[in-house]
C-alpha cells in the first residue's frame, strides 16, 4: 500500500507538473491558462490529448512537435518529472499530515517559479501572492518551533536580499527578495538563512561551470531563481541533516 500511494503521488505530480509548465509560461504574459487549449508555440497547432501526456509524449515524439518538427524544450519533461518525484518524496517524508499539504504547495510554487524565471528571468508577483496566504494559514495551523520563527524568517529573508540589492545596485532582483520573504514563512529563521547560503554556493558553482563550458559569458545576466529553488528543496527536506553534518564536520 505504501508503494502504491507513493506511486500515485508521483503520477499526480507528473500531471500537475505539466500544468505548472503552462502556468509558469502564461502568468508572466497575463495569458489565460484555465480554458485555452495548449498549442505549439511555433506553429500554433492545437495539441491533441496524446501530445500532452507528461514525459511520455516528449519521448515518443523524439522531443519534437508532431506538426512542424520544431524541437521542444527539455524544460517541459524535466519539470513534469521533477514535480512527480518531489510529490512522491513529500508523501514519503511527511505521510498524511498537515505538513504534507505545505510540502505539496511549496513544491508547486517552486516549479512554477523555475519555469517563469528560466523563460523570462521573472518571478511573478501573482504566483507569490497566491501562495503567501496559504502558507500563512498553514503555519498558523502547524507552527514551527518556536512559533515566531516564521515571522523572523520572513523578515530576515526579505532583509538580506534587500541589503544585497542596495549594496550591489541590482545584483539580485526584487522577485528574489519577495520569494525569500515567502520562503521564510515556510522554512523559519534558521532554514531560510541556510537556503540563502546554499543558493549562493550552488549559484557560484553552476555559474563557473557554465562559463567554463561557454554556455554563458562573463557578466551575462542569468536567472537566480532555479538556484534558490534547489537550495530551498535541499533545506526543506534535509535541512536538519545538513546542519548536523556541518556541525559535526567542524568538530572533528
Protein backbone atom coordinates (compact mmCIF):
# COMPACT_ATOMS: atom_id res chain seq x y z
CA UNK A 1 0.00 0.00 0.00
CA UNK A 2 2.87 2.37 0.86
CA UNK A 3 4.49 1.85 -2.55
CA UNK A 4 1.12 2.20 -4.29
CA UNK A 5 0.36 5.53 -2.62
CA UNK A 6 3.88 6.81 -3.35
CA UNK A 7 3.39 5.87 -7.00
CA UNK A 8 0.04 7.66 -7.11
CA UNK A 9 1.65 10.84 -5.73
CA UNK A 10 4.32 10.52 -8.42
CA UNK A 11 1.67 10.24 -11.16
CA UNK A 12 -0.29 13.17 -9.73
CA UNK A 13 2.97 15.12 -9.71
CA UNK A 14 3.54 14.38 -13.39
CA UNK A 15 0.09 15.72 -14.24
CA UNK A 16 0.42 18.82 -12.06
CA UNK A 17 3.94 19.39 -13.37
CA UNK A 18 2.53 19.64 -16.88
CA UNK A 19 0.06 22.23 -15.62
CA UNK A 20 2.80 24.18 -13.82
CA UNK A 21 4.69 24.47 -17.10
CA UNK A 22 1.66 26.21 -18.57
CA UNK A 23 1.19 28.47 -15.54
CA UNK A 24 4.85 29.46 -15.45
CA UNK A 25 4.82 30.36 -19.13
CA UNK A 26 1.48 32.18 -19.27
CA UNK A 27 1.13 34.07 -15.99
CA UNK A 28 4.03 36.50 -16.68
CA UNK A 29 2.40 37.33 -20.02
CA UNK A 30 -1.07 37.69 -18.45
CA UNK A 31 -2.39 34.96 -20.72
CA UNK A 32 -5.30 32.75 -19.56
CA UNK A 33 -4.42 29.16 -18.76
CA UNK A 34 -7.70 27.74 -17.45
CA UNK A 35 -9.73 27.34 -20.63
CA UNK A 36 -7.42 27.75 -23.62
CA UNK A 37 -6.19 24.59 -25.31
CA UNK A 38 -2.43 24.01 -25.39
CA UNK A 39 -0.75 24.90 -28.67
CA UNK A 40 2.70 24.57 -30.18
CA UNK A 41 4.39 27.96 -29.56
CA UNK A 42 6.00 27.79 -33.01
CA UNK A 43 3.36 26.59 -35.49
CA UNK A 44 0.34 27.43 -33.26
CA UNK A 45 -1.16 23.99 -33.90
CA UNK A 46 -3.61 22.89 -31.19
CA UNK A 47 -2.16 19.88 -29.40
CA UNK A 48 -4.10 16.63 -29.13
CA UNK A 49 -4.50 14.79 -25.83
CA UNK A 50 -1.89 12.20 -26.79
CA UNK A 51 0.63 15.01 -27.33
CA UNK A 52 0.12 16.18 -23.76
CA UNK A 53 0.92 13.02 -21.81
CA UNK A 54 3.57 14.07 -19.29
CA UNK A 55 7.11 12.92 -20.15
CA UNK A 56 5.90 10.08 -22.43
CA UNK A 57 4.71 12.38 -25.24
CA UNK A 58 8.10 14.08 -25.26
CA UNK A 59 9.87 10.71 -25.52
CA UNK A 60 7.59 9.19 -28.18
CA UNK A 61 7.75 12.34 -30.33
CA UNK A 62 11.52 12.46 -30.12
CA UNK A 63 11.42 15.82 -28.38
CA UNK A 64 9.82 17.50 -31.42
CA UNK A 65 6.42 18.90 -32.40
CA UNK A 66 4.47 16.35 -34.46
CA UNK A 67 3.29 19.07 -36.85
CA UNK A 68 6.24 21.40 -37.50
CA UNK A 69 9.06 19.19 -36.16
CA UNK A 70 10.44 22.07 -34.09
CA UNK A 71 12.47 20.93 -31.11
CA UNK A 72 10.58 21.03 -27.80
CA UNK A 73 12.38 22.44 -24.79
CA UNK A 74 13.61 19.83 -22.31
CA UNK A 75 12.22 22.07 -19.58
CA UNK A 76 8.78 20.51 -20.07
CA UNK A 77 9.64 16.88 -19.20
CA UNK A 78 12.17 17.97 -16.56
CA UNK A 79 9.56 19.99 -14.67
CA UNK A 80 6.99 17.19 -15.01
CA UNK A 81 9.40 14.53 -13.79
CA UNK A 82 10.76 16.73 -11.00
CA UNK A 83 7.26 17.50 -9.73
CA UNK A 84 6.38 13.81 -9.77
CA UNK A 85 9.49 12.88 -7.77
CA UNK A 86 9.01 15.72 -5.29
CA UNK A 87 5.31 14.95 -4.75
CA UNK A 88 6.23 11.34 -4.02
CA UNK A 89 9.08 12.44 -1.71
CA UNK A 90 6.66 14.73 0.13
CA UNK A 91 4.40 11.80 0.93
CA UNK A 92 7.32 9.55 1.89
CA UNK A 93 8.69 12.16 4.31
CA UNK A 94 5.51 13.56 5.85
CA UNK A 95 2.78 10.95 5.27
CA UNK A 96 -0.84 12.06 5.57
CA UNK A 97 -0.19 15.06 7.81
CA UNK A 98 -0.84 18.79 7.52
CA UNK A 99 2.83 19.26 6.65
CA UNK A 100 2.20 17.20 3.51
CA UNK A 101 -0.10 19.97 2.27
CA UNK A 102 2.60 22.56 2.97
CA UNK A 103 5.14 20.42 1.14
CA UNK A 104 2.97 19.93 -1.94
CA UNK A 105 2.17 23.64 -2.12
CA UNK A 106 5.83 24.58 -1.69
CA UNK A 107 6.88 22.22 -4.49
CA UNK A 108 4.10 23.60 -6.69
CA UNK A 109 5.16 27.20 -6.18
CA UNK A 110 8.82 26.42 -6.77
CA UNK A 111 8.18 24.53 -10.01
CA UNK A 112 6.17 27.45 -11.42
CA UNK A 113 8.94 29.85 -10.41
CA UNK A 114 11.61 27.76 -12.14
CA UNK A 115 9.68 27.87 -15.40
CA UNK A 116 8.96 31.60 -15.33
CA UNK A 117 12.44 32.60 -14.17
CA UNK A 118 14.22 30.48 -16.78
CA UNK A 119 11.94 31.70 -19.57
CA UNK A 120 11.54 35.37 -18.64
CA UNK A 121 14.01 35.98 -15.78
CA UNK A 122 10.97 36.95 -13.74
CA UNK A 123 9.36 35.69 -10.54
CA UNK A 124 5.69 36.70 -10.93
CA UNK A 125 4.07 38.61 -8.07
CA UNK A 126 0.79 36.85 -8.84
CA UNK A 127 2.32 33.47 -8.05
CA UNK A 128 3.83 34.66 -4.75
CA UNK A 129 0.63 36.43 -3.73
CA UNK A 130 -1.41 33.31 -4.46
CA UNK A 131 0.71 31.06 -2.24
CA UNK A 132 1.52 33.59 0.52
CA UNK A 133 -1.83 33.47 2.39
CA UNK A 134 -1.92 29.67 2.08
CA UNK A 135 1.47 29.35 3.75
CA UNK A 136 0.49 31.83 6.47
CA UNK A 137 -2.65 29.82 7.27
CA UNK A 138 -0.74 26.53 7.26
CA UNK A 139 1.94 27.91 9.59
CA UNK A 140 -0.77 29.06 11.96
CA UNK A 141 -2.29 25.57 11.94
CA UNK A 142 1.09 23.80 12.10
CA UNK A 143 3.53 26.34 13.56
CA UNK A 144 7.27 25.93 13.55
CA UNK A 145 9.22 25.55 16.78
CA UNK A 146 9.43 28.26 18.04
CA UNK A 147 6.23 29.69 16.55
CA UNK A 148 7.78 33.08 15.83
CA UNK A 149 10.43 31.52 13.59
CA UNK A 150 8.17 32.01 10.55
CA UNK A 151 7.89 35.74 11.29
CA UNK A 152 11.62 36.26 11.83
CA UNK A 153 12.30 34.04 8.82
CA UNK A 154 10.16 36.22 6.56
CA UNK A 155 11.75 39.44 7.87
CA UNK A 156 15.31 38.15 7.62
CA UNK A 157 14.72 36.61 4.19
CA UNK A 158 13.39 39.87 2.83
CA UNK A 159 16.01 41.96 4.67
CA UNK A 160 19.07 40.04 3.49
CA UNK A 161 18.15 40.29 -0.18
CA UNK A 162 17.11 43.94 0.21
CA UNK A 163 20.57 44.75 1.59
CA UNK A 164 22.25 42.88 -1.27
CA UNK A 165 20.13 44.76 -3.82
CA UNK A 166 21.13 48.10 -2.26
CA UNK A 167 24.83 47.27 -1.96
CA UNK A 168 25.17 45.65 -5.38
CA UNK A 169 22.78 48.09 -7.07
CA UNK A 170 20.69 45.40 -8.69
CA UNK A 171 22.84 42.29 -8.18
CA UNK A 172 19.64 40.49 -7.26
CA UNK A 173 16.06 41.26 -8.23
CA UNK A 174 13.01 42.32 -6.26
CA UNK A 175 11.43 38.99 -7.20
CA UNK A 176 14.20 37.15 -5.34
CA UNK A 177 13.60 39.37 -2.31
CA UNK A 178 9.86 38.68 -2.25
CA UNK A 179 10.47 34.96 -2.78
CA UNK A 180 12.81 34.78 0.23
CA UNK A 181 10.19 36.55 2.34
CA UNK A 182 7.62 33.87 1.43
CA UNK A 183 10.17 31.10 1.96
CA UNK A 184 10.95 32.50 5.40
CA UNK A 185 7.37 31.83 6.47
CA UNK A 186 7.61 28.19 5.41
CA UNK A 187 11.19 27.45 6.48
CA UNK A 188 11.68 29.67 9.51
CA UNK A 189 14.65 31.80 10.53
CA UNK A 190 17.40 29.18 10.69
CA UNK A 191 16.46 27.37 7.50
CA UNK A 192 15.93 30.48 5.38
CA UNK A 193 19.49 31.51 6.24
CA UNK A 194 20.67 28.04 5.24
CA UNK A 195 18.72 28.36 1.99
CA UNK A 196 20.40 31.67 1.21
CA UNK A 197 23.83 30.18 1.98
CA UNK A 198 23.22 27.11 -0.20
CA UNK A 199 21.76 29.13 -3.08
CA UNK A 200 24.89 31.29 -3.19
CA UNK A 201 27.15 28.22 -3.25
CA UNK A 202 25.05 26.41 -5.86
CA UNK A 203 24.80 29.55 -8.00
CA UNK A 204 28.55 30.12 -7.84
CA UNK A 205 29.40 26.52 -8.77
CA UNK A 206 26.92 26.39 -11.65
CA UNK A 207 27.99 29.84 -12.81
CA UNK A 208 31.65 28.86 -13.03
CA UNK A 209 30.81 25.61 -14.83
CA UNK A 210 28.54 27.36 -17.35
CA UNK A 211 31.26 29.93 -18.07
CA UNK A 212 33.92 27.24 -18.49
CA UNK A 213 31.82 25.30 -20.99
CA UNK A 214 31.00 28.63 -22.68
CA UNK A 215 27.24 28.21 -22.19
CA UNK A 216 27.13 31.75 -20.83
CA UNK A 217 29.50 34.72 -20.97
CA UNK A 218 31.04 36.60 -18.07
CA UNK A 219 28.76 39.31 -16.66
CA UNK A 220 25.83 37.83 -18.59
CA UNK A 221 22.60 38.08 -16.55
CA UNK A 222 21.31 34.66 -15.51
CA UNK A 223 18.18 33.69 -13.57
CA UNK A 224 18.97 33.08 -9.89
CA UNK A 225 15.56 31.56 -9.16
CA UNK A 226 16.48 27.95 -10.08
CA UNK A 227 19.40 28.03 -7.62
CA UNK A 228 17.11 29.34 -4.88
CA UNK A 229 14.63 26.59 -5.70
CA UNK A 230 17.26 23.85 -5.48
CA UNK A 231 18.60 25.26 -2.21
CA UNK A 232 15.08 25.52 -0.80
CA UNK A 233 14.28 21.90 -1.59
CA UNK A 234 17.54 20.68 -0.03
CA UNK A 235 16.87 22.75 3.08
CA UNK A 236 13.20 21.86 3.41
CA UNK A 237 13.67 18.12 3.09
CA UNK A 238 17.17 17.69 4.53
CA UNK A 239 18.00 20.93 6.36
CA UNK A 240 18.43 19.42 9.82
CA UNK A 241 20.72 16.69 8.50
CA UNK A 242 22.81 19.24 6.61
CA UNK A 243 23.19 21.42 9.70
CA UNK A 244 24.11 18.42 11.88
CA UNK A 245 26.66 17.28 9.29
CA UNK A 246 28.17 20.77 9.13
CA UNK A 247 28.48 21.00 12.91
CA UNK A 248 29.96 17.52 13.26
CA UNK A 249 32.39 18.13 10.38
CA UNK A 250 33.94 21.13 12.09
CA UNK A 251 34.08 19.36 15.45
CA UNK A 252 36.38 16.67 14.05
